[in-house]
Amino acid sequence: MGEEQVHQVLEAAERIFVSLTGSTGFDRDLSEEILMVVLKSVSAEQQGGYVRQLEAFADANRERLGQLYGKYGPAGS
């Protein structure tokens, strides 16, 4: 996945995170480092629509993702 695609995915992931948590407290450098590793597992066929797939996953699982963040995020128990 090219650098531009990585940045597009990173921007989408950040938008999703903020929309789910209301928090902007994330480490962009760390997010980019982790994303570079994760995206190596995305096949060439899936790369073109990856941002769309990520957004669809977040929309379909919004409630559950919010619950998980509440439970396991920085303020979780």
PDB file of N, CA and C in Angstrom:
ATOM      1  N   MET A   1       0.866  -1.173   0.000  1.00  0.00           N
ATOM      2  CA  MET A   1       0.000   0.000   0.000  1.00  0.00           C
ATOM      3  C   MET A   1       0.904   1.225   0.000  1.00  0.00           C
ATOM      4  N   GLY A   2       0.633   2.166  -0.904  1.00  0.00           N
ATOM      5  CA  GLY A   2       1.458   3.360  -1.024  1.00  0.00           C
ATOM      6  C   GLY A   2       1.263   4.332   0.120  1.00  0.00           C
ATOM      7  N   GLU A   3       2.194   5.254   0.223  1.00  0.00           N
ATOM      8  CA  GLU A   3       2.170   6.232   1.313  1.00  0.00           C
ATOM      9  C   GLU A   3       0.881   7.052   1.317  1.00  0.00           C
ATOM     10  N   GLU A   4       0.416   7.458   0.143  1.00  0.00           N
ATOM     11  CA  GLU A   4      -0.821   8.245   0.062  1.00  0.00           C
ATOM     12  C   GLU A   4      -2.011   7.440   0.576  1.00  0.00           C
ATOM     13  N   GLN A   5      -2.064   6.172   0.214  1.00  0.00           N
ATOM     14  CA  GLN A   5      -3.159   5.318   0.696  1.00  0.00           C
ATOM     15  C   GLN A   5      -3.087   5.146   2.201  1.00  0.00           C
ATOM     16  N   VAL A   6      -1.876   4.995   2.738  1.00  0.00           N
ATOM     17  CA  VAL A   6      -1.708   4.864   4.187  1.00  0.00           C
ATOM     18  C   VAL A   6      -2.248   6.110   4.880  1.00  0.00           C
ATOM     19  N   HIS A   7      -1.939   7.276   4.344  1.00  0.00           N
ATOM     20  CA  HIS A   7      -2.429   8.525   4.948  1.00  0.00           C
ATOM     21  C   HIS A   7      -3.950   8.638   4.842  1.00  0.00           C
ATOM     22  N   GLN A   8      -4.526   8.166   3.750  1.00  0.00           N
ATOM     23  CA  GLN A   8      -5.987   8.184   3.623  1.00  0.00           C
ATOM     24  C   GLN A   8      -6.632   7.282   4.662  1.00  0.00           C
ATOM     25  N   VAL A   9      -6.067   6.104   4.870  1.00  0.00           N
ATOM     26  CA  VAL A   9      -6.598   5.183   5.873  1.00  0.00           C
ATOM     27  C   VAL A   9      -6.413   5.768   7.264  1.00  0.00           C
ATOM     28  N   LEU A  10      -5.254   6.366   7.526  1.00  0.00           N
ATOM     29  CA  LEU A  10      -4.992   6.974   8.821  1.00  0.00           C
ATOM     30  C   LEU A  10      -5.990   8.088   9.112  1.00  0.00           C
ATOM     31  N   GLU A  11      -6.253   8.938   8.145  1.00  0.00           N
ATOM     32  CA  GLU A  11      -7.215  10.023   8.327  1.00  0.00           C
ATOM     33  C   GLU A  11      -8.615   9.474   8.593  1.00  0.00           C
ATOM     34  N   ALA A  12      -8.996   8.429   7.868  1.00  0.00           N
ATOM     35  CA  ALA A  12     -10.311   7.811   8.100  1.00  0.00           C
ATOM     36  C   ALA A  12     -10.378   7.196   9.490  1.00  0.00           C
ATOM     37  N   ALA A  13      -9.319   6.497   9.893  1.00  0.00           N
ATOM     38  CA  ALA A  13      -9.293   5.870  11.218  1.00  0.00           C
ATOM     39  C   ALA A  13      -9.384   6.928  12.317  1.00  0.00           C
ATOM     40  N   GLU A  14      -8.711   8.043  12.134  1.00  0.00           N
ATOM     41  CA  GLU A  14      -8.778   9.122  13.117  1.00  0.00           C
ATOM     42  C   GLU A  14     -10.183   9.717  13.181  1.00  0.00           C
ATOM     43  N   ARG A  15     -10.807   9.941  12.028  1.00  0.00           N
ATOM     44  CA  ARG A  15     -12.188  10.464  12.010  1.00  0.00           C
ATOM     45  C   ARG A  15     -13.126   9.510  12.739  1.00  0.00           C
ATOM     46  N   ILE A  16     -12.971   8.219  12.476  1.00  0.00           N
ATOM     47  CA  ILE A  16     -13.821   7.214  13.119  1.00  0.00           C
ATOM     48  C   ILE A  16     -13.592   7.222  14.619  1.00  0.00           C
ATOM     49  N   PHE A  17     -12.334   7.247  15.038  1.00  0.00           N
ATOM     50  CA  PHE A  17     -12.007   7.255  16.464  1.00  0.00           C
ATOM     51  C   PHE A  17     -12.642   8.447  17.172  1.00  0.00           C
ATOM     52  N   VAL A  18     -12.487   9.623  16.595  1.00  0.00           N
ATOM     53  CA  VAL A  18     -13.052  10.834  17.205  1.00  0.00           C
ATOM     54  C   VAL A  18     -14.576  10.751  17.242  1.00  0.00           C
ATOM     55  N   SER A  19     -15.195  10.245  16.182  1.00  0.00           N
ATOM     56  CA  SER A  19     -16.660  10.160  16.156  1.00  0.00           C
ATOM     57  C   SER A  19     -17.183   9.153  17.179  1.00  0.00           C
ATOM     58  N   LEU A  20     -16.417   8.103  17.448  1.00  0.00           N
ATOM     59  CA  LEU A  20     -16.844   7.092  18.422  1.00  0.00           C
ATOM     60  C   LEU A  20     -16.581   7.502  19.859  1.00  0.00           C
ATOM     61  N   THR A  21     -15.483   8.210  20.075  1.00  0.00           N
ATOM     62  CA  THR A  21     -15.049   8.476  21.453  1.00  0.00           C
ATOM     63  C   THR A  21     -15.194   9.925  21.873  1.00  0.00           C
ATOM     64  N   GLY A  22     -15.253  10.824  20.913  1.00  0.00           N
ATOM     65  CA  GLY A  22     -15.259  12.245  21.243  1.00  0.00           C
ATOM     66  C   GLY A  22     -13.885  12.739  21.658  1.00  0.00           C
ATOM     67  N   SER A  23     -12.900  11.868  21.613  1.00  0.00           N
ATOM     68  CA  SER A  23     -11.548  12.191  22.059  1.00  0.00           C
ATOM     69  C   SER A  23     -10.644  12.449  20.866  1.00  0.00           C
ATOM     70  N   THR A  24      -9.783  13.439  21.015  1.00  0.00           N
ATOM     71  CA  THR A  24      -8.752  13.681  20.011  1.00  0.00           C
ATOM     72  C   THR A  24      -7.384  13.335  20.589  1.00  0.00           C
ATOM     73  N   GLY A  25      -7.384  12.652  21.729  1.00  0.00           N
ATOM     74  CA  GLY A  25      -6.145  12.305  22.418  1.00  0.00           C
ATOM     75  C   GLY A  25      -5.537  11.026  21.899  1.00  0.00           C
ATOM     76  N   PHE A  26      -4.950  11.075  20.726  1.00  0.00           N
ATOM     77  CA  PHE A  26      -4.278   9.918  20.171  1.00  0.00           C
ATOM     78  C   PHE A  26      -2.901  10.342  19.692  1.00  0.00           C
ATOM     79  N   ASP A  27      -2.027   9.400  19.585  1.00  0.00           N
ATOM     80  CA  ASP A  27      -0.656   9.638  19.145  1.00  0.00           C
ATOM     81  C   ASP A  27      -0.582   9.328  17.653  1.00  0.00           C
ATOM     82  N   ARG A  28      -0.558  10.361  16.836  1.00  0.00           N
ATOM     83  CA  ARG A  28      -0.602  10.169  15.382  1.00  0.00           C
ATOM     84  C   ARG A  28       0.601   9.381  14.879  1.00  0.00           C
ATOM     85  N   ASP A  29       1.762   9.646  15.437  1.00  0.00           N
ATOM     86  CA  ASP A  29       2.955   8.914  14.993  1.00  0.00           C
ATOM     87  C   ASP A  29       2.832   7.428  15.304  1.00  0.00           C
ATOM     88  N   LEU A  30       2.353   7.108  16.494  1.00  0.00           N
ATOM     89  CA  LEU A  30       2.170   5.707  16.869  1.00  0.00           C
ATOM     90  C   LEU A  30       1.091   5.064  16.000  1.00  0.00           C
ATOM     91  N   SER A  31       0.009   5.787  15.762  1.00  0.00           N
ATOM     92  CA  SER A  31      -1.065   5.266  14.904  1.00  0.00           C
ATOM     93  C   SER A  31      -0.535   4.951  13.519  1.00  0.00           C
ATOM     94  N   GLU A  32       0.280   5.838  12.976  1.00  0.00           N
ATOM     95  CA  GLU A  32       0.840   5.620  11.637  1.00  0.00           C
ATOM     96  C   GLU A  32       1.778   4.410  11.642  1.00  0.00           C
ATOM     97  N   GLU A  33       2.587   4.285  12.686  1.00  0.00           N
ATOM     98  CA  GLU A  33       3.509   3.157  12.777  1.00  0.00           C
ATOM     99  C   GLU A  33       2.752   1.826  12.826  1.00  0.00           C
ATOM    100  N   ILE A  34       1.715   1.766  13.631  1.00  0.00           N
ATOM    101  CA  ILE A  34       0.913   0.545  13.755  1.00  0.00           C
ATOM    102  C   ILE A  34       0.179   0.268  12.449  1.00  0.00           C
ATOM    103  N   LEU A  35      -0.382   1.313  11.857  1.00  0.00           N
ATOM    104  CA  LEU A  35      -1.137   1.151  10.619  1.00  0.00           C
ATOM    105  C   LEU A  35      -0.260   0.619   9.487  1.00  0.00           C
ATOM    106  N   MET A  36       0.975   1.047   9.426  1.00  0.00           N
ATOM    107  CA  MET A  36       1.894   0.559   8.382  1.00  0.00           C
ATOM    108  C   MET A  36       2.054  -0.957   8.494  1.00  0.00           C
ATOM    109  N   VAL A  37       2.104  -1.463   9.707  1.00  0.00           N
ATOM    110  CA  VAL A  37       2.249  -2.907   9.923  1.00  0.00           C
ATOM    111  C   VAL A  37       0.943  -3.623   9.587  1.00  0.00           C
ATOM    112  N   VAL A  38      -0.164  -3.097  10.072  1.00  0.00           N
ATOM    113  CA  VAL A  38      -1.470  -3.722   9.853  1.00  0.00           C
ATOM    114  C   VAL A  38      -1.798  -3.783   8.361  1.00  0.00           C
ATOM    115  N   LEU A  39      -1.536  -2.727   7.653  1.00  0.00           N
ATOM    116  CA  LEU A  39      -1.909  -2.669   6.237  1.00  0.00           C
ATOM    117  C   LEU A  39      -1.106  -3.606   5.352  1.00  0.00           C
ATOM    118  N   LYS A  40      -0.009  -4.138   5.860  1.00  0.00           N
ATOM    119  CA  LYS A  40       0.747  -5.126   5.092  1.00  0.00           C
ATOM    120  C   LYS A  40      -0.069  -6.402   4.900  1.00  0.00           C
ATOM    121  N   SER A  41      -1.084  -6.592   5.744  1.00  0.00           N
ATOM    122  CA  SER A  41      -1.918  -7.790   5.627  1.00  0.00           C
ATOM    123  C   SER A  41      -3.101  -7.596   4.677  1.00  0.00           C
ATOM    124  N   VAL A  42      -3.257  -6.400   4.131  1.00  0.00           N
ATOM    125  CA  VAL A  42      -4.350  -6.108   3.205  1.00  0.00           C
ATOM    126  C   VAL A  42      -3.906  -6.478   1.790  1.00  0.00           C
ATOM    127  N   SER A  43      -4.683  -7.319   1.166  1.00  0.00           N
ATOM    128  CA  SER A  43      -4.325  -7.766  -0.182  1.00  0.00           C
ATOM    129  C   SER A  43      -4.452  -6.621  -1.190  1.00  0.00           C
ATOM    130  N   ALA A  44      -3.753  -6.776  -2.294  1.00  0.00           N
ATOM    131  CA  ALA A  44      -3.789  -5.769  -3.357  1.00  0.00           C
ATOM    132  C   ALA A  44      -5.214  -5.544  -3.847  1.00  0.00           C
ATOM    133  N   GLU A  45      -6.019  -6.605  -3.889  1.00  0.00           N
ATOM    134  CA  GLU A  45      -7.409  -6.489  -4.351  1.00  0.00           C
ATOM    135  C   GLU A  45      -8.267  -5.662  -3.396  1.00  0.00           C
ATOM    136  N   GLN A  46      -7.936  -5.666  -2.119  1.00  0.00           N
ATOM    137  CA  GLN A  46      -8.737  -4.960  -1.124  1.00  0.00           C
ATOM    138  C   GLN A  46      -8.277  -3.526  -0.889  1.00  0.00           C
ATOM    139  N   GLN A  47      -7.092  -3.193  -1.321  1.00  0.00           N
ATOM    140  CA  GLN A  47      -6.519  -1.896  -0.998  1.00  0.00           C
ATOM    141  C   GLN A  47      -7.334  -0.714  -1.509  1.00  0.00           C
ATOM    142  N   GLY A  48      -7.859  -0.817  -2.719  1.00  0.00           N
ATOM    143  CA  GLY A  48      -8.596   0.294  -3.310  1.00  0.00           C
ATOM    144  C   GLY A  48      -9.815   0.709  -2.510  1.00  0.00           C
ATOM    145  N   GLY A  49     -10.521  -0.240  -1.946  1.00  0.00           N
ATOM    146  CA  GLY A  49     -11.739   0.073  -1.206  1.00  0.00           C
ATOM    147  C   GLY A  49     -11.589  -0.029   0.299  1.00  0.00           C
ATOM    148  N   TYR A  50     -10.346   0.007   0.781  1.00  0.00           N
ATOM    149  CA  TYR A  50     -10.131  -0.237   2.212  1.00  0.00           C
ATOM    150  C   TYR A  50     -10.756   0.838   3.097  1.00  0.00           C
ATOM    151  N   VAL A  51     -10.620   2.101   2.733  1.00  0.00           N
ATOM    152  CA  VAL A  51     -11.206   3.174   3.545  1.00  0.00           C
ATOM    153  C   VAL A  51     -12.717   2.991   3.624  1.00  0.00           C
ATOM    154  N   ARG A  52     -13.333   2.694   2.514  1.00  0.00           N
ATOM    155  CA  ARG A  52     -14.785   2.477   2.469  1.00  0.00           C
ATOM    156  C   ARG A  52     -15.178   1.293   3.352  1.00  0.00           C
ATOM    157  N   GLN A  53     -14.393   0.220   3.310  1.00  0.00           N
ATOM    158  CA  GLN A  53     -14.668  -0.953   4.149  1.00  0.00           C
ATOM    159  C   GLN A  53     -14.512  -0.623   5.631  1.00  0.00           C
ATOM    160  N   LEU A  54     -13.492   0.141   5.963  1.00  0.00           N
ATOM    161  CA  LEU A  54     -13.257   0.542   7.349  1.00  0.00           C
ATOM    162  C   LEU A  54     -14.412   1.388   7.867  1.00  0.00           C
ATOM    163  N   GLU A  55     -14.859   2.338   7.063  1.00  0.00           N
ATOM    164  CA  GLU A  55     -15.977   3.197   7.459  1.00  0.00           C
ATOM    165  C   GLU A  55     -17.266   2.390   7.596  1.00  0.00           C
ATOM    166  N   ALA A  56     -17.506   1.459   6.691  1.00  0.00           N
ATOM    167  CA  ALA A  56     -18.707   0.618   6.764  1.00  0.00           C
ATOM    168  C   ALA A  56     -18.669  -0.258   8.023  1.00  0.00           C
ATOM    169  N   PHE A  57     -17.498  -0.813   8.339  1.00  0.00           N
ATOM    170  CA  PHE A  57     -17.357  -1.624   9.546  1.00  0.00           C
ATOM    171  C   PHE A  57     -17.662  -0.788  10.794  1.00  0.00           C
ATOM    172  N   ALA A  58     -17.097   0.409  10.845  1.00  0.00           N
ATOM    173  CA  ALA A  58     -17.323   1.281  12.008  1.00  0.00           C
ATOM    174  C   ALA A  58     -18.797   1.656  12.133  1.00  0.00           C
ATOM    175  N   ASP A  59     -19.444   1.970  11.021  1.00  0.00           N
ATOM    176  CA  ASP A  59     -20.863   2.316  11.056  1.00  0.00           C
ATOM    177  C   ASP A  59     -21.710   1.142  11.525  1.00  0.00           C
ATOM    178  N   ALA A  60     -21.408  -0.049  11.020  1.00  0.00           N
ATOM    179  CA  ALA A  60     -22.188  -1.242  11.369  1.00  0.00           C
ATOM    180  C   ALA A  60     -21.969  -1.670  12.817  1.00  0.00           C
ATOM    181  N   ASN A  61     -20.830  -1.303  13.388  1.00  0.00           N
ATOM    182  CA  ASN A  61     -20.477  -1.756  14.741  1.00  0.00           C
ATOM    183  C   ASN A  61     -20.300  -0.603  15.723  1.00  0.00           C
ATOM    184  N   ARG A  62     -20.849   0.551  15.386  1.00  0.00           N
ATOM    185  CA  ARG A  62     -20.658   1.769  16.173  1.00  0.00           C
ATOM    186  C   ARG A  62     -20.966   1.578  17.654  1.00  0.00           C
ATOM    187  N   GLU A  63     -22.107   0.997  17.962  1.00  0.00           N
ATOM    188  CA  GLU A  63     -22.502   0.833  19.363  1.00  0.00           C
ATOM    189  C   GLU A  63     -21.516  -0.064  20.112  1.00  0.00           C
ATOM    190  N   ARG A  64     -21.194  -1.189  19.524  1.00  0.00           N
ATOM    191  CA  ARG A  64     -20.278  -2.143  20.169  1.00  0.00           C
ATOM    192  C   ARG A  64     -18.880  -1.551  20.328  1.00  0.00           C
ATOM    193  N   LEU A  65     -18.392  -0.851  19.324  1.00  0.00           N
ATOM    194  CA  LEU A  65     -17.080  -0.227  19.418  1.00  0.00           C
ATOM    195  C   LEU A  65     -17.050   0.825  20.520  1.00  0.00           C
ATOM    196  N   GLY A  66     -18.124   1.592  20.635  1.00  0.00           N
ATOM    197  CA  GLY A  66     -18.220   2.579  21.711  1.00  0.00           C
ATOM    198  C   GLY A  66     -18.213   1.916  23.081  1.00  0.00           C
ATOM    199  N   GLN A  67     -18.925   0.801  23.209  1.00  0.00           N
ATOM    200  CA  GLN A  67     -18.937   0.063  24.476  1.00  0.00           C
ATOM    201  C   GLN A  67     -17.546  -0.457  24.818  1.00  0.00           C
ATOM    202  N   LEU A  68     -16.878  -1.016  23.840  1.00  0.00           N
ATOM    203  CA  LEU A  68     -15.531  -1.545  24.075  1.00  0.00           C
ATOM    204  C   LEU A  68     -14.561  -0.440  24.483  1.00  0.00           C
ATOM    205  N   TYR A  69     -14.666   0.708  23.841  1.00  0.00           N
ATOM    206  CA  TYR A  69     -13.792   1.823  24.207  1.00  0.00           C
ATOM    207  C   TYR A  69     -14.101   2.279  25.629  1.00  0.00           C
ATOM    208  N   GLY A  70     -15.398   2.339  25.966  1.00  0.00           N
ATOM    209  CA  GLY A  70     -15.772   2.724  27.323  1.00  0.00           C
ATOM    210  C   GLY A  70     -15.236   1.757  28.362  1.00  0.00           C
ATOM    211  N   LYS A  71     -15.226   0.483  28.017  1.00  0.00           N
ATOM    212  CA  LYS A  71     -14.752  -0.533  28.958  1.00  0.00           C
ATOM    213  C   LYS A  71     -13.239  -0.631  29.020  1.00  0.00           C
ATOM    214  N   TYR A  72     -12.576  -0.584  27.873  1.00  0.00           N
ATOM    215  CA  TYR A  72     -11.143  -0.827  27.817  1.00  0.00           C
ATOM    216  C   TYR A  72     -10.293   0.418  27.516  1.00  0.00           C
ATOM    217  N   GLY A  73     -10.931   1.542  27.219  1.00  0.00           N
ATOM    218  CA  GLY A  73     -10.201   2.773  26.944  1.00  0.00           C
ATOM    219  C   GLY A  73      -9.615   3.360  28.213  1.00  0.00           C
ATOM    220  N   PRO A  74      -9.038   4.540  28.137  1.00  0.00           N
ATOM    221  CA  PRO A  74      -8.342   5.132  29.270  1.00  0.00           C
ATOM    222  C   PRO A  74      -9.200   5.321  30.526  1.00  0.00           C
ATOM    223  N   ALA A  75     -10.489   5.532  30.349  1.00  0.00           N
ATOM    224  CA  ALA A  75     -11.353   5.733  31.523  1.00  0.00           C
ATOM    225  C   ALA A  75     -12.079   4.441  31.917  1.00  0.00           C
ATOM    226  N   GLY A  76     -11.768   3.335  31.241  1.00  0.00           N
ATOM    227  CA  GLY A  76     -12.445   2.064  31.488  1.00  0.00           C
ATOM    228  C   GLY A  76     -12.015   1.414  32.792  1.00  0.00           C
ATOM    229  N   SER A  77     -12.778   0.393  33.122  1.00  0.00           N
ATOM    230  CA  SER A  77     -12.493  -0.311  34.372  1.00  0.00           C
ATOM    231  C   SER A  77     -11.661  -1.551  34.141  1.00  0.00           C
TER     232      SER A  77
END
